[in-house]
């Protein structure tokens, strides 16, 4: 759940950011590719379509909220093992805390997901 956000809103947001399936961590290679980093004991593998497009869409959704104006660098990895963790190019990993502190942004995110489904 997301701190300071109603449970139903939190669940809706997370449901749209956490992909079904076995992939729990991805890395964006900068050339449009998405690497599966789910197994720490194995080399990352390039995801095929449509998984690549799905993860790129999740990244684009998050990037609308974690902007350079707010002090965030480019998103380079996403981990959905037990929630949503976002890693940035500069090594910053504060997105999980920032989501909890930005209830209004989370609510806006939920509204955008709802309108996108229509």
N, C-alpha and C. Protein backbone atom coordinates (compact mmCIF):
# COMPACT_ATOMS: atom_id res chain seq x y z
N UNK A 1 0.82 -1.18 0.00
CA UNK A 1 0.00 0.00 0.00
C UNK A 1 0.87 1.26 0.00
N UNK A 2 0.27 2.35 -0.38
CA UNK A 2 0.97 3.62 -0.42
C UNK A 2 0.58 4.42 0.82
N UNK A 3 1.57 4.89 1.57
CA UNK A 3 1.30 5.66 2.77
C UNK A 3 0.44 6.88 2.46
N UNK A 4 -0.48 7.19 3.38
CA UNK A 4 -1.32 8.39 3.31
C UNK A 4 -2.25 8.42 2.10
N UNK A 5 -2.53 7.28 1.51
CA UNK A 5 -3.45 7.19 0.38
C UNK A 5 -4.49 6.13 0.74
N UNK A 6 -5.78 6.41 0.47
CA UNK A 6 -6.81 5.41 0.77
C UNK A 6 -6.48 4.06 0.13
N UNK A 7 -6.82 2.98 0.82
CA UNK A 7 -6.47 1.63 0.38
C UNK A 7 -6.97 1.36 -1.04
N UNK A 8 -8.20 1.71 -1.35
CA UNK A 8 -8.75 1.44 -2.68
C UNK A 8 -7.96 2.17 -3.77
N UNK A 9 -7.58 3.41 -3.51
CA UNK A 9 -6.80 4.18 -4.48
C UNK A 9 -5.42 3.56 -4.63
N UNK A 10 -4.80 3.21 -3.50
CA UNK A 10 -3.48 2.59 -3.52
C UNK A 10 -3.50 1.29 -4.32
N UNK A 11 -4.50 0.46 -4.10
CA UNK A 11 -4.59 -0.81 -4.81
C UNK A 11 -4.77 -0.59 -6.31
N UNK A 12 -5.57 0.41 -6.70
CA UNK A 12 -5.77 0.69 -8.12
C UNK A 12 -4.49 1.14 -8.78
N UNK A 13 -3.74 1.99 -8.10
CA UNK A 13 -2.48 2.47 -8.66
C UNK A 13 -1.49 1.32 -8.83
N UNK A 14 -1.32 0.53 -7.78
CA UNK A 14 -0.37 -0.57 -7.84
C UNK A 14 -0.77 -1.62 -8.86
N UNK A 15 -2.06 -1.88 -9.00
CA UNK A 15 -2.53 -2.87 -9.97
C UNK A 15 -2.14 -2.48 -11.39
N UNK A 16 -2.07 -1.20 -11.66
CA UNK A 16 -1.70 -0.74 -13.00
C UNK A 16 -0.19 -0.65 -13.20
N UNK A 17 0.56 -0.67 -12.14
CA UNK A 17 2.01 -0.56 -12.25
C UNK A 17 2.72 -1.90 -12.12
N UNK A 18 2.06 -2.88 -11.54
CA UNK A 18 2.68 -4.19 -11.33
C UNK A 18 2.17 -5.14 -12.41
N UNK A 19 3.08 -5.59 -13.24
CA UNK A 19 2.72 -6.46 -14.36
C UNK A 19 2.45 -7.87 -13.87
N UNK A 20 1.47 -8.54 -14.49
CA UNK A 20 1.29 -9.96 -14.17
C UNK A 20 2.46 -10.76 -14.73
N UNK A 21 2.75 -11.86 -14.12
CA UNK A 21 3.83 -12.71 -14.63
C UNK A 21 5.02 -12.76 -13.71
N UNK A 22 6.09 -13.33 -14.22
CA UNK A 22 7.26 -13.62 -13.41
C UNK A 22 8.29 -12.50 -13.37
N UNK A 23 8.16 -11.49 -14.21
CA UNK A 23 9.15 -10.41 -14.25
C UNK A 23 8.91 -9.48 -13.07
N UNK A 24 9.93 -9.35 -12.21
CA UNK A 24 9.78 -8.49 -11.03
C UNK A 24 10.72 -7.30 -11.04
N UNK A 25 11.74 -7.33 -11.91
CA UNK A 25 12.62 -6.18 -12.02
C UNK A 25 13.08 -6.03 -13.46
N UNK A 26 12.99 -4.78 -13.94
CA UNK A 26 13.44 -4.50 -15.30
C UNK A 26 14.40 -3.33 -15.30
N UNK A 27 15.24 -3.32 -16.34
CA UNK A 27 16.16 -2.21 -16.57
C UNK A 27 15.94 -1.71 -17.99
N UNK A 28 15.91 -0.38 -18.15
CA UNK A 28 15.73 0.23 -19.45
C UNK A 28 17.10 0.53 -20.02
N UNK A 29 17.38 0.03 -21.24
CA UNK A 29 18.74 0.12 -21.78
C UNK A 29 19.07 1.43 -22.48
N UNK A 30 18.11 2.34 -22.59
CA UNK A 30 18.37 3.62 -23.21
C UNK A 30 18.16 3.63 -24.71
N UNK A 31 18.05 2.46 -25.32
CA UNK A 31 17.83 2.35 -26.76
C UNK A 31 16.44 1.80 -27.06
N UNK A 32 15.57 1.80 -26.06
CA UNK A 32 14.21 1.28 -26.24
C UNK A 32 14.02 -0.14 -25.77
N UNK A 33 15.10 -0.81 -25.43
CA UNK A 33 15.01 -2.19 -24.95
C UNK A 33 14.74 -2.24 -23.45
N UNK A 34 14.16 -3.34 -23.02
CA UNK A 34 13.89 -3.55 -21.61
C UNK A 34 14.47 -4.91 -21.23
N UNK A 35 15.32 -4.90 -20.22
CA UNK A 35 15.99 -6.12 -19.77
C UNK A 35 15.32 -6.67 -18.51
N UNK A 36 15.11 -7.98 -18.48
CA UNK A 36 14.58 -8.65 -17.30
C UNK A 36 15.75 -8.90 -16.35
N UNK A 37 15.68 -8.27 -15.16
CA UNK A 37 16.72 -8.44 -14.13
C UNK A 37 16.17 -9.18 -12.92
N UNK A 38 15.15 -9.99 -13.13
CA UNK A 38 14.46 -10.65 -12.03
C UNK A 38 15.30 -11.67 -11.29
N UNK A 39 16.27 -12.27 -11.95
CA UNK A 39 17.11 -13.29 -11.33
C UNK A 39 18.50 -12.74 -11.11
N UNK A 40 18.87 -12.47 -9.86
CA UNK A 40 20.18 -11.89 -9.59
C UNK A 40 21.34 -12.82 -9.95
N UNK A 41 21.08 -14.11 -10.06
CA UNK A 41 22.14 -15.07 -10.37
C UNK A 41 22.28 -15.31 -11.88
N UNK A 42 21.52 -14.57 -12.69
CA UNK A 42 21.57 -14.77 -14.14
C UNK A 42 21.81 -13.43 -14.84
N UNK A 43 22.31 -13.51 -16.06
CA UNK A 43 22.49 -12.31 -16.88
C UNK A 43 21.12 -11.75 -17.24
N UNK A 44 20.97 -10.43 -17.25
CA UNK A 44 19.69 -9.84 -17.69
C UNK A 44 19.41 -10.25 -19.14
N UNK A 45 18.13 -10.49 -19.43
CA UNK A 45 17.73 -10.88 -20.77
C UNK A 45 16.77 -9.85 -21.35
N UNK A 46 16.88 -9.62 -22.64
CA UNK A 46 16.04 -8.66 -23.33
C UNK A 46 14.62 -9.22 -23.43
N UNK A 47 13.63 -8.41 -23.01
CA UNK A 47 12.24 -8.82 -23.13
C UNK A 47 11.76 -8.64 -24.56
N UNK A 48 10.83 -9.49 -24.97
CA UNK A 48 10.23 -9.39 -26.30
C UNK A 48 8.97 -8.52 -26.21
N UNK A 49 8.42 -8.17 -27.36
CA UNK A 49 7.13 -7.49 -27.41
C UNK A 49 6.06 -8.52 -27.08
N UNK A 50 4.96 -8.17 -26.49
CA UNK A 50 4.53 -6.85 -26.06
C UNK A 50 5.02 -6.46 -24.67
N UNK A 51 5.79 -7.31 -24.03
CA UNK A 51 6.26 -7.00 -22.67
C UNK A 51 7.10 -5.72 -22.64
N UNK A 52 7.94 -5.53 -23.65
CA UNK A 52 8.76 -4.32 -23.70
C UNK A 52 7.88 -3.08 -23.73
N UNK A 53 6.88 -3.07 -24.58
CA UNK A 53 5.98 -1.92 -24.68
C UNK A 53 5.22 -1.70 -23.38
N UNK A 54 4.80 -2.77 -22.73
CA UNK A 54 4.08 -2.65 -21.46
C UNK A 54 4.95 -1.99 -20.39
N UNK A 55 6.21 -2.43 -20.29
CA UNK A 55 7.11 -1.85 -19.29
C UNK A 55 7.47 -0.41 -19.65
N UNK A 56 7.62 -0.11 -20.94
CA UNK A 56 7.89 1.27 -21.35
C UNK A 56 6.71 2.17 -20.98
N UNK A 57 5.49 1.65 -21.09
CA UNK A 57 4.30 2.42 -20.70
C UNK A 57 4.30 2.67 -19.20
N UNK A 58 4.65 1.68 -18.41
CA UNK A 58 4.73 1.88 -16.96
C UNK A 58 5.77 2.95 -16.62
N UNK A 59 6.90 2.89 -17.30
CA UNK A 59 7.94 3.89 -17.09
C UNK A 59 7.42 5.28 -17.45
N UNK A 60 6.74 5.40 -18.57
CA UNK A 60 6.20 6.69 -19.00
C UNK A 60 5.18 7.22 -17.99
N UNK A 61 4.37 6.35 -17.45
CA UNK A 61 3.39 6.76 -16.44
C UNK A 61 4.09 7.31 -15.20
N UNK A 62 5.09 6.58 -14.73
CA UNK A 62 5.83 7.04 -13.55
C UNK A 62 6.59 8.33 -13.82
N UNK A 63 7.13 8.46 -15.03
CA UNK A 63 7.91 9.65 -15.37
C UNK A 63 7.07 10.92 -15.37
N UNK A 64 5.77 10.79 -15.55
CA UNK A 64 4.90 11.97 -15.49
C UNK A 64 4.84 12.54 -14.08
N UNK A 65 5.13 11.72 -13.08
CA UNK A 65 5.05 12.15 -11.68
C UNK A 65 6.42 12.43 -11.07
N UNK A 66 7.44 11.75 -11.57
CA UNK A 66 8.80 11.93 -11.06
C UNK A 66 9.59 12.68 -12.13
N UNK A 67 9.40 13.97 -12.16
CA UNK A 67 9.92 14.82 -13.23
C UNK A 67 11.23 15.49 -12.83
N UNK A 68 12.00 15.95 -13.82
CA UNK A 68 13.21 16.72 -13.52
C UNK A 68 12.90 17.98 -12.71
N UNK A 69 11.74 18.57 -12.94
CA UNK A 69 11.34 19.76 -12.18
C UNK A 69 11.27 19.47 -10.69
N UNK A 70 10.89 18.24 -10.35
CA UNK A 70 10.81 17.83 -8.94
C UNK A 70 12.13 17.26 -8.43
N UNK A 71 13.15 17.25 -9.28
CA UNK A 71 14.48 16.81 -8.86
C UNK A 71 14.80 15.36 -9.17
N UNK A 72 14.02 14.73 -10.03
CA UNK A 72 14.26 13.32 -10.35
C UNK A 72 14.97 13.20 -11.70
N UNK A 73 15.90 12.26 -11.77
CA UNK A 73 16.61 11.96 -13.01
C UNK A 73 15.79 10.93 -13.81
N UNK A 74 16.30 10.49 -14.95
CA UNK A 74 15.60 9.50 -15.78
C UNK A 74 15.44 8.18 -15.02
N UNK A 75 14.32 7.51 -15.24
CA UNK A 75 14.06 6.20 -14.64
C UNK A 75 14.88 5.16 -15.40
N UNK A 76 15.66 4.36 -14.67
CA UNK A 76 16.48 3.33 -15.31
C UNK A 76 16.07 1.91 -14.93
N UNK A 77 15.40 1.75 -13.78
CA UNK A 77 14.95 0.42 -13.34
C UNK A 77 13.66 0.55 -12.57
N UNK A 78 12.87 -0.52 -12.63
CA UNK A 78 11.65 -0.63 -11.82
C UNK A 78 11.66 -2.03 -11.22
N UNK A 79 11.36 -2.10 -9.92
CA UNK A 79 11.25 -3.37 -9.21
C UNK A 79 9.86 -3.44 -8.59
N UNK A 80 9.15 -4.56 -8.83
CA UNK A 80 7.79 -4.72 -8.31
C UNK A 80 7.66 -5.95 -7.40
N UNK A 81 8.74 -6.32 -6.75
CA UNK A 81 8.72 -7.50 -5.89
C UNK A 81 7.68 -7.38 -4.78
N UNK A 82 7.69 -6.28 -4.06
CA UNK A 82 6.76 -6.11 -2.94
C UNK A 82 6.20 -4.69 -2.91
N UNK A 83 5.84 -4.21 -4.05
CA UNK A 83 5.38 -2.84 -4.22
C UNK A 83 6.00 -2.32 -5.50
N UNK A 84 6.23 -1.03 -5.57
CA UNK A 84 6.88 -0.46 -6.75
C UNK A 84 8.06 0.37 -6.28
N UNK A 85 9.26 -0.04 -6.70
CA UNK A 85 10.48 0.72 -6.43
C UNK A 85 10.99 1.24 -7.76
N UNK A 86 11.34 2.51 -7.77
CA UNK A 86 11.82 3.15 -8.98
C UNK A 86 13.25 3.60 -8.74
N UNK A 87 14.14 3.26 -9.66
CA UNK A 87 15.54 3.64 -9.58
C UNK A 87 15.83 4.64 -10.69
N UNK A 88 16.60 5.66 -10.36
CA UNK A 88 16.87 6.74 -11.29
C UNK A 88 18.33 6.70 -11.74
N UNK A 89 18.61 7.35 -12.86
CA UNK A 89 19.94 7.35 -13.46
C UNK A 89 21.01 7.82 -12.49
N UNK A 90 20.68 8.78 -11.64
CA UNK A 90 21.67 9.32 -10.70
C UNK A 90 21.84 8.45 -9.45
N UNK A 91 21.18 7.27 -9.45
CA UNK A 91 21.31 6.37 -8.31
C UNK A 91 20.28 6.59 -7.23
N UNK A 92 19.46 7.61 -7.39
CA UNK A 92 18.42 7.93 -6.41
C UNK A 92 17.34 6.85 -6.43
N UNK A 93 16.86 6.50 -5.25
CA UNK A 93 15.81 5.47 -5.16
C UNK A 93 14.73 5.95 -4.21
N UNK A 94 14.42 7.23 -4.23
CA UNK A 94 13.47 7.76 -3.26
C UNK A 94 12.03 7.74 -3.73
N UNK A 95 11.74 7.16 -4.87
CA UNK A 95 10.38 7.20 -5.41
C UNK A 95 9.38 6.54 -4.49
N UNK A 96 9.76 5.43 -3.86
CA UNK A 96 8.80 4.75 -3.00
C UNK A 96 8.36 5.66 -1.86
N UNK A 97 9.29 6.36 -1.24
CA UNK A 97 8.94 7.30 -0.18
C UNK A 97 8.19 8.49 -0.74
N UNK A 98 8.60 8.96 -1.91
CA UNK A 98 7.95 10.13 -2.49
C UNK A 98 6.50 9.83 -2.85
N UNK A 99 6.23 8.62 -3.30
CA UNK A 99 4.84 8.27 -3.61
C UNK A 99 4.00 8.36 -2.34
N UNK A 100 4.54 7.85 -1.24
CA UNK A 100 3.81 7.90 0.01
C UNK A 100 3.57 9.32 0.49
N UNK A 101 4.46 10.22 0.19
CA UNK A 101 4.33 11.60 0.63
C UNK A 101 3.48 12.43 -0.31
N UNK A 102 3.17 11.93 -1.45
CA UNK A 102 2.43 12.70 -2.45
C UNK A 102 1.05 12.08 -2.70
N UNK A 103 0.20 12.14 -1.72
CA UNK A 103 -1.14 11.58 -1.85
C UNK A 103 -1.89 12.23 -3.01
N UNK A 104 -1.72 13.52 -3.19
CA UNK A 104 -2.43 14.19 -4.28
C UNK A 104 -1.94 13.69 -5.63
N UNK A 105 -0.64 13.45 -5.77
CA UNK A 105 -0.11 12.91 -7.02
C UNK A 105 -0.61 11.49 -7.24
N UNK A 106 -0.67 10.71 -6.18
CA UNK A 106 -1.16 9.35 -6.29
C UNK A 106 -2.63 9.34 -6.70
N UNK A 107 -3.40 10.23 -6.12
CA UNK A 107 -4.81 10.31 -6.48
C UNK A 107 -4.95 10.72 -7.94
N UNK A 108 -4.15 11.67 -8.39
CA UNK A 108 -4.17 12.09 -9.78
C UNK A 108 -3.79 10.92 -10.68
N UNK A 109 -2.80 10.15 -10.28
CA UNK A 109 -2.38 8.98 -11.04
C UNK A 109 -3.55 8.01 -11.19
N UNK A 110 -4.26 7.77 -10.12
CA UNK A 110 -5.41 6.87 -10.15
C UNK A 110 -6.47 7.40 -11.09
N UNK A 111 -6.72 8.70 -11.08
CA UNK A 111 -7.71 9.29 -11.97
C UNK A 111 -7.28 9.12 -13.42
N UNK A 112 -6.00 9.30 -13.71
CA UNK A 112 -5.51 9.15 -15.08
C UNK A 112 -5.65 7.72 -15.56
N UNK A 113 -5.38 6.74 -14.67
CA UNK A 113 -5.56 5.35 -15.04
C UNK A 113 -7.02 5.07 -15.35
N UNK A 114 -7.91 5.62 -14.53
CA UNK A 114 -9.34 5.41 -14.74
C UNK A 114 -9.78 6.00 -16.08
N UNK A 115 -9.31 7.19 -16.41
CA UNK A 115 -9.71 7.80 -17.68
C UNK A 115 -9.07 7.09 -18.86
N UNK A 116 -7.89 6.51 -18.68
CA UNK A 116 -7.22 5.79 -19.76
C UNK A 116 -7.95 4.48 -20.09
N UNK A 117 -8.63 3.91 -19.12
CA UNK A 117 -9.36 2.66 -19.33
C UNK A 117 -10.63 2.86 -20.14
N UNK A 118 -11.13 4.08 -20.17
CA UNK A 118 -12.40 4.36 -20.87
C UNK A 118 -12.25 4.34 -22.35
